[in-house]
Amino acid sequence: MRRGDICNVELPTLELPLEPKAENAPKLGNEQFGRRPGLIVQDNQIGRLPTVVIVPLTKQMTALSYPGAIKIKRSGYNGLDYDSVALVHQVRAIDKRRLRNTIGTIESDLLMQIEEQLSKLLGL
């Protein structure tokens, strides 16, 4: 697992009840959940943490309307089955146990674009 790797990840669902003890609690808003590709953006030198920082990916091209979203075309190099969108605004830390298999590596020019968007998002 290295910066720039694309891995299948299991993102947890977070259910918030509308009322206490509601039986059919809805999924929370626009957060990504379930099994999907995720791009590792954490620096390789920070390996002792039990978590890893990722940017989730989606195959929903409508997500390109979000500020900072980056289109990633599928390739043999990145291992994606579909053209995808990096949801930079949904950067998050997940437990390393949520990582499944590495499917590929993002192209360096796209990683640089994502880094620029992360910098803007975080005001760095």
N, C-alpha and C. Protein backbone atom coordinates (compact mmCIF):
# COMPACT_ATOMS: atom_id res chain seq x y z
N MET A 1 0.83 -1.18 0.00
CA MET A 1 0.00 0.00 0.00
C MET A 1 0.88 1.24 0.00
N ARG A 2 0.78 2.01 -1.08
CA ARG A 2 1.60 3.21 -1.22
C ARG A 2 0.76 4.36 -1.76
N ARG A 3 1.24 5.57 -1.52
CA ARG A 3 0.58 6.77 -2.07
C ARG A 3 0.44 6.59 -3.58
N GLY A 4 -0.76 6.84 -4.08
CA GLY A 4 -1.04 6.70 -5.50
C GLY A 4 -1.65 5.37 -5.88
N ASP A 5 -1.65 4.40 -4.95
CA ASP A 5 -2.29 3.12 -5.24
C ASP A 5 -3.81 3.30 -5.23
N ILE A 6 -4.46 2.56 -6.08
CA ILE A 6 -5.92 2.49 -6.08
C ILE A 6 -6.28 1.11 -5.54
N CYS A 7 -7.04 1.11 -4.46
CA CYS A 7 -7.44 -0.13 -3.78
C CYS A 7 -8.95 -0.21 -3.71
N ASN A 8 -9.45 -1.42 -3.68
CA ASN A 8 -10.85 -1.59 -3.31
C ASN A 8 -10.93 -1.40 -1.81
N VAL A 9 -11.91 -0.62 -1.37
CA VAL A 9 -12.09 -0.33 0.05
C VAL A 9 -13.54 -0.59 0.43
N GLU A 10 -13.76 -0.85 1.70
CA GLU A 10 -15.10 -1.03 2.25
C GLU A 10 -15.40 0.18 3.13
N LEU A 11 -16.22 1.10 2.63
CA LEU A 11 -16.58 2.27 3.41
C LEU A 11 -17.84 1.98 4.20
N PRO A 12 -17.82 2.28 5.48
CA PRO A 12 -18.98 1.94 6.32
C PRO A 12 -20.17 2.85 6.03
N THR A 13 -21.35 2.30 6.31
CA THR A 13 -22.56 3.11 6.24
C THR A 13 -22.77 3.73 7.61
N LEU A 14 -23.33 4.90 7.60
CA LEU A 14 -23.67 5.57 8.84
C LEU A 14 -25.14 5.87 8.77
N GLU A 15 -25.88 5.28 9.65
CA GLU A 15 -27.32 5.49 9.65
C GLU A 15 -27.70 6.35 10.83
N LEU A 16 -28.44 7.39 10.56
CA LEU A 16 -28.94 8.27 11.61
C LEU A 16 -30.45 8.15 11.66
N PRO A 17 -30.99 7.81 12.78
CA PRO A 17 -32.45 7.69 12.87
C PRO A 17 -33.12 9.06 12.80
N LEU A 18 -34.30 9.06 12.19
CA LEU A 18 -35.09 10.29 12.16
C LEU A 18 -35.62 10.60 13.55
N GLU A 19 -35.91 9.56 14.28
CA GLU A 19 -36.37 9.66 15.66
C GLU A 19 -35.63 8.60 16.46
N PRO A 20 -35.58 8.73 17.74
CA PRO A 20 -34.96 7.65 18.52
C PRO A 20 -35.64 6.32 18.23
N LYS A 21 -34.84 5.28 18.02
CA LYS A 21 -35.31 3.92 17.78
C LYS A 21 -36.10 3.77 16.48
N ALA A 22 -35.86 4.64 15.49
CA ALA A 22 -36.52 4.47 14.20
C ALA A 22 -36.02 3.20 13.54
N GLU A 23 -36.92 2.38 13.01
CA GLU A 23 -36.52 1.10 12.43
C GLU A 23 -35.89 1.25 11.06
N ASN A 24 -36.35 2.15 10.24
CA ASN A 24 -35.84 2.32 8.89
C ASN A 24 -35.03 3.60 8.77
N ALA A 25 -33.91 3.65 9.46
CA ALA A 25 -33.06 4.84 9.44
C ALA A 25 -32.44 5.01 8.06
N PRO A 26 -32.48 6.21 7.50
CA PRO A 26 -31.93 6.44 6.17
C PRO A 26 -30.41 6.53 6.20
N LYS A 27 -29.80 6.31 5.04
CA LYS A 27 -28.37 6.56 4.89
C LYS A 27 -28.16 8.06 5.00
N LEU A 28 -26.98 8.46 5.44
CA LEU A 28 -26.71 9.87 5.67
C LEU A 28 -26.28 10.56 4.39
N GLY A 29 -27.10 11.47 3.88
CA GLY A 29 -26.78 12.39 2.81
C GLY A 29 -25.97 11.88 1.65
N ASN A 30 -24.87 12.57 1.36
CA ASN A 30 -24.07 12.30 0.18
C ASN A 30 -22.75 11.61 0.45
N GLU A 31 -22.57 11.07 1.64
CA GLU A 31 -21.33 10.37 1.94
C GLU A 31 -21.26 9.07 1.16
N GLN A 32 -20.07 8.74 0.72
CA GLN A 32 -19.85 7.49 -0.01
C GLN A 32 -19.80 6.33 0.97
N PHE A 33 -20.33 5.19 0.56
CA PHE A 33 -20.31 4.01 1.41
C PHE A 33 -20.22 2.77 0.54
N GLY A 34 -19.97 1.65 1.17
CA GLY A 34 -19.92 0.38 0.46
C GLY A 34 -18.57 0.13 -0.19
N ARG A 35 -18.50 -0.94 -0.97
CA ARG A 35 -17.26 -1.32 -1.65
C ARG A 35 -17.09 -0.46 -2.89
N ARG A 36 -15.89 0.11 -3.01
CA ARG A 36 -15.59 0.98 -4.15
C ARG A 36 -14.08 1.17 -4.22
N PRO A 37 -13.58 1.67 -5.34
CA PRO A 37 -12.16 2.01 -5.39
C PRO A 37 -11.88 3.27 -4.56
N GLY A 38 -10.71 3.28 -3.96
CA GLY A 38 -10.26 4.45 -3.21
C GLY A 38 -8.80 4.70 -3.54
N LEU A 39 -8.44 5.96 -3.65
CA LEU A 39 -7.07 6.36 -3.96
C LEU A 39 -6.34 6.70 -2.68
N ILE A 40 -5.23 6.05 -2.42
CA ILE A 40 -4.44 6.35 -1.23
C ILE A 40 -3.67 7.65 -1.47
N VAL A 41 -3.88 8.64 -0.58
CA VAL A 41 -3.20 9.93 -0.71
C VAL A 41 -2.29 10.21 0.48
N GLN A 42 -2.25 9.32 1.43
CA GLN A 42 -1.39 9.48 2.60
C GLN A 42 0.07 9.28 2.20
N ASP A 43 0.96 10.06 2.79
CA ASP A 43 2.39 9.96 2.52
C ASP A 43 2.91 8.59 2.94
N ASN A 44 3.81 8.04 2.14
CA ASN A 44 4.37 6.71 2.42
C ASN A 44 5.16 6.65 3.72
N GLN A 45 5.67 7.78 4.19
CA GLN A 45 6.50 7.80 5.39
C GLN A 45 5.69 7.65 6.68
N ILE A 46 4.38 7.78 6.56
CA ILE A 46 3.52 7.69 7.75
C ILE A 46 2.88 6.31 7.76
N GLY A 47 3.66 5.30 8.08
CA GLY A 47 3.19 3.94 7.97
C GLY A 47 2.73 3.30 9.27
N ARG A 48 3.01 3.92 10.40
CA ARG A 48 2.70 3.28 11.68
C ARG A 48 1.27 3.53 12.15
N LEU A 49 0.54 4.34 11.46
CA LEU A 49 -0.84 4.62 11.85
C LEU A 49 -1.74 3.43 11.53
N PRO A 50 -2.78 3.23 12.30
CA PRO A 50 -3.73 2.16 11.99
C PRO A 50 -4.73 2.58 10.91
N THR A 51 -4.65 3.83 10.49
CA THR A 51 -5.56 4.36 9.47
C THR A 51 -4.76 4.79 8.24
N VAL A 52 -5.49 5.01 7.16
CA VAL A 52 -4.90 5.50 5.92
C VAL A 52 -5.86 6.54 5.33
N VAL A 53 -5.31 7.58 4.72
CA VAL A 53 -6.13 8.64 4.13
C VAL A 53 -6.36 8.31 2.66
N ILE A 54 -7.64 8.33 2.28
CA ILE A 54 -8.02 7.99 0.90
C ILE A 54 -8.94 9.07 0.32
N VAL A 55 -9.03 9.07 -1.00
CA VAL A 55 -10.05 9.81 -1.74
C VAL A 55 -10.92 8.74 -2.40
N PRO A 56 -12.21 8.69 -2.06
CA PRO A 56 -13.07 7.69 -2.69
C PRO A 56 -13.33 8.02 -4.16
N LEU A 57 -13.56 6.98 -4.95
CA LEU A 57 -13.88 7.14 -6.37
C LEU A 57 -15.31 6.67 -6.61
N THR A 58 -15.92 7.21 -7.65
CA THR A 58 -17.24 6.79 -8.07
C THR A 58 -17.26 6.68 -9.59
N LYS A 59 -18.15 5.86 -10.11
CA LYS A 59 -18.31 5.77 -11.57
C LYS A 59 -19.42 6.71 -12.06
N GLN A 60 -20.04 7.44 -11.14
CA GLN A 60 -21.11 8.38 -11.51
C GLN A 60 -20.51 9.67 -12.06
N MET A 61 -20.55 9.85 -13.37
CA MET A 61 -19.93 11.01 -14.02
C MET A 61 -20.61 12.33 -13.63
N THR A 62 -21.83 12.27 -13.11
CA THR A 62 -22.50 13.49 -12.66
C THR A 62 -21.73 14.13 -11.50
N ALA A 63 -20.88 13.35 -10.83
CA ALA A 63 -20.08 13.87 -9.72
C ALA A 63 -19.04 14.88 -10.18
N LEU A 64 -18.80 14.95 -11.48
CA LEU A 64 -17.85 15.94 -12.00
C LEU A 64 -18.35 17.37 -11.76
N SER A 65 -19.61 17.52 -11.41
CA SER A 65 -20.15 18.86 -11.14
C SER A 65 -19.67 19.41 -9.80
N TYR A 66 -19.11 18.55 -8.93
CA TYR A 66 -18.61 19.01 -7.63
C TYR A 66 -17.26 19.71 -7.81
N PRO A 67 -17.05 20.80 -7.09
CA PRO A 67 -15.76 21.48 -7.17
C PRO A 67 -14.62 20.53 -6.78
N GLY A 68 -13.57 20.53 -7.58
CA GLY A 68 -12.40 19.73 -7.28
C GLY A 68 -12.46 18.29 -7.73
N ALA A 69 -13.58 17.86 -8.30
CA ALA A 69 -13.69 16.48 -8.77
C ALA A 69 -12.79 16.30 -9.99
N ILE A 70 -12.13 15.15 -10.08
CA ILE A 70 -11.19 14.86 -11.17
C ILE A 70 -11.61 13.58 -11.88
N LYS A 71 -11.71 13.65 -13.22
CA LYS A 71 -12.05 12.46 -13.99
C LYS A 71 -10.80 11.59 -14.17
N ILE A 72 -10.99 10.29 -13.97
CA ILE A 72 -9.92 9.31 -14.15
C ILE A 72 -10.40 8.30 -15.18
N LYS A 73 -9.74 8.28 -16.35
CA LYS A 73 -10.11 7.30 -17.37
C LYS A 73 -9.52 5.95 -17.02
N ARG A 74 -10.30 4.92 -17.19
CA ARG A 74 -9.81 3.57 -16.88
C ARG A 74 -8.63 3.23 -17.78
N SER A 75 -7.70 2.48 -17.23
CA SER A 75 -6.54 2.03 -17.98
C SER A 75 -5.99 0.76 -17.36
N GLY A 76 -5.14 0.09 -18.08
CA GLY A 76 -4.49 -1.09 -17.53
C GLY A 76 -3.58 -0.73 -16.37
N TYR A 77 -3.09 0.50 -16.37
CA TYR A 77 -2.18 0.96 -15.31
C TYR A 77 -2.92 1.17 -13.99
N ASN A 78 -4.10 1.84 -14.06
CA ASN A 78 -4.81 2.13 -12.81
C ASN A 78 -5.76 1.01 -12.40
N GLY A 79 -6.05 0.08 -13.29
CA GLY A 79 -6.84 -1.09 -12.93
C GLY A 79 -8.33 -0.86 -12.77
N LEU A 80 -8.81 0.33 -13.09
CA LEU A 80 -10.24 0.62 -12.95
C LEU A 80 -11.05 -0.09 -14.03
N ASP A 81 -12.22 -0.56 -13.67
CA ASP A 81 -13.13 -1.19 -14.63
C ASP A 81 -13.94 -0.16 -15.41
N TYR A 82 -14.07 1.05 -14.84
CA TYR A 82 -14.88 2.11 -15.43
C TYR A 82 -14.13 3.42 -15.35
N ASP A 83 -14.44 4.34 -16.28
CA ASP A 83 -14.01 5.72 -16.06
C ASP A 83 -14.62 6.12 -14.72
N SER A 84 -13.87 6.87 -13.93
CA SER A 84 -14.30 7.20 -12.57
C SER A 84 -14.05 8.66 -12.26
N VAL A 85 -14.57 9.08 -11.13
CA VAL A 85 -14.40 10.45 -10.64
C VAL A 85 -13.80 10.37 -9.25
N ALA A 86 -12.69 11.09 -9.04
CA ALA A 86 -12.09 11.21 -7.71
C ALA A 86 -12.87 12.27 -6.95
N LEU A 87 -13.47 11.88 -5.84
CA LEU A 87 -14.28 12.78 -5.02
C LEU A 87 -13.38 13.43 -3.96
N VAL A 88 -12.59 14.38 -4.40
CA VAL A 88 -11.58 14.99 -3.53
C VAL A 88 -12.22 15.61 -2.30
N HIS A 89 -13.42 16.14 -2.44
CA HIS A 89 -14.10 16.78 -1.30
C HIS A 89 -14.53 15.77 -0.24
N GLN A 90 -14.41 14.47 -0.54
CA GLN A 90 -14.79 13.45 0.43
C GLN A 90 -13.57 12.71 0.99
N VAL A 91 -12.41 13.35 0.96
CA VAL A 91 -11.20 12.77 1.53
C VAL A 91 -11.48 12.33 2.96
N ARG A 92 -10.95 11.16 3.33
CA ARG A 92 -11.23 10.66 4.68
C ARG A 92 -10.18 9.65 5.11
N ALA A 93 -10.09 9.48 6.40
CA ALA A 93 -9.23 8.44 6.98
C ALA A 93 -10.09 7.22 7.26
N ILE A 94 -9.57 6.06 6.89
CA ILE A 94 -10.26 4.81 7.18
C ILE A 94 -9.28 3.85 7.86
N ASP A 95 -9.80 2.92 8.60
CA ASP A 95 -8.97 1.89 9.20
C ASP A 95 -8.34 1.05 8.09
N LYS A 96 -7.09 0.69 8.25
CA LYS A 96 -6.40 -0.10 7.22
C LYS A 96 -7.07 -1.44 6.98
N ARG A 97 -7.83 -1.93 7.95
CA ARG A 97 -8.54 -3.19 7.77
C ARG A 97 -9.66 -3.08 6.75
N ARG A 98 -10.02 -1.85 6.37
CA ARG A 98 -11.06 -1.65 5.34
C ARG A 98 -10.48 -1.74 3.93
N LEU A 99 -9.15 -1.79 3.82
CA LEU A 99 -8.51 -1.96 2.51
C LEU A 99 -8.65 -3.40 2.06
N ARG A 100 -8.99 -3.60 0.82
CA ARG A 100 -9.05 -4.95 0.26
C ARG A 100 -7.83 -5.13 -0.64
N ASN A 101 -8.01 -5.29 -1.89
CA ASN A 101 -6.90 -5.52 -2.80
C ASN A 101 -6.51 -4.25 -3.55
N THR A 102 -5.23 -4.16 -3.89
CA THR A 102 -4.74 -3.07 -4.74
C THR A 102 -5.03 -3.47 -6.18
N ILE A 103 -5.67 -2.55 -6.93
CA ILE A 103 -6.01 -2.87 -8.32
C ILE A 103 -5.11 -2.17 -9.32
N GLY A 104 -4.40 -1.12 -8.89
CA GLY A 104 -3.52 -0.40 -9.80
C GLY A 104 -2.95 0.83 -9.14
N THR A 105 -2.37 1.68 -9.97
CA THR A 105 -1.75 2.91 -9.51
C THR A 105 -2.22 4.04 -10.40
N ILE A 106 -2.50 5.19 -9.79
CA ILE A 106 -2.96 6.33 -10.57
C ILE A 106 -1.79 6.93 -11.36
N GLU A 107 -2.08 7.47 -12.50
CA GLU A 107 -1.08 8.13 -13.31
C GLU A 107 -0.57 9.37 -12.59
N SER A 108 0.72 9.66 -12.71
CA SER A 108 1.35 10.73 -11.93
C SER A 108 0.75 12.11 -12.20
N ASP A 109 0.35 12.39 -13.45
CA ASP A 109 -0.25 13.69 -13.73
C ASP A 109 -1.59 13.85 -13.01
N LEU A 110 -2.36 12.78 -12.90
CA LEU A 110 -3.64 12.84 -12.19
C LEU A 110 -3.42 12.97 -10.69
N LEU A 111 -2.41 12.28 -10.16
CA LEU A 111 -2.10 12.42 -8.74
C LEU A 111 -1.73 13.86 -8.42
N MET A 112 -0.98 14.51 -9.30
CA MET A 112 -0.63 15.92 -9.08
C MET A 112 -1.88 16.80 -9.09
N GLN A 113 -2.82 16.54 -9.99
CA GLN A 113 -4.07 17.31 -10.03
C GLN A 113 -4.87 17.12 -8.75
N ILE A 114 -4.91 15.90 -8.27
CA ILE A 114 -5.65 15.62 -7.04
C ILE A 114 -4.96 16.29 -5.85
N GLU A 115 -3.65 16.27 -5.81
CA GLU A 115 -2.92 16.96 -4.75
C GLU A 115 -3.22 18.46 -4.76
N GLU A 116 -3.29 19.06 -5.94
CA GLU A 116 -3.64 20.49 -6.05
C GLU A 116 -5.03 20.75 -5.50
N GLN A 117 -5.98 19.88 -5.83
CA GLN A 117 -7.35 20.06 -5.34
C GLN A 117 -7.43 19.86 -3.84
N LEU A 118 -6.68 18.90 -3.31
CA LEU A 118 -6.64 18.69 -1.85
C LEU A 118 -6.08 19.93 -1.17
N SER A 119 -5.04 20.51 -1.74
CA SER A 119 -4.44 21.72 -1.17
C SER A 119 -5.45 22.87 -1.13
N LYS A 120 -6.21 23.02 -2.21
CA LYS A 120 -7.24 24.07 -2.24
C LYS A 120 -8.33 23.78 -1.21
N LEU A 121 -8.77 22.53 -1.16
CA LEU A 121 -9.84 22.14 -0.25
C LEU A 121 -9.46 22.42 1.21
N LEU A 122 -8.21 22.12 1.55
CA LEU A 122 -7.75 22.27 2.93
C LEU A 122 -7.12 23.63 3.23
N GLY A 123 -7.07 24.49 2.22
CA GLY A 123 -6.52 25.82 2.41
C GLY A 123 -5.02 25.83 2.72
N LEU A 124 -4.29 24.93 2.10
CA LEU A 124 -2.84 24.82 2.34
C LEU A 124 -2.04 25.63 1.33
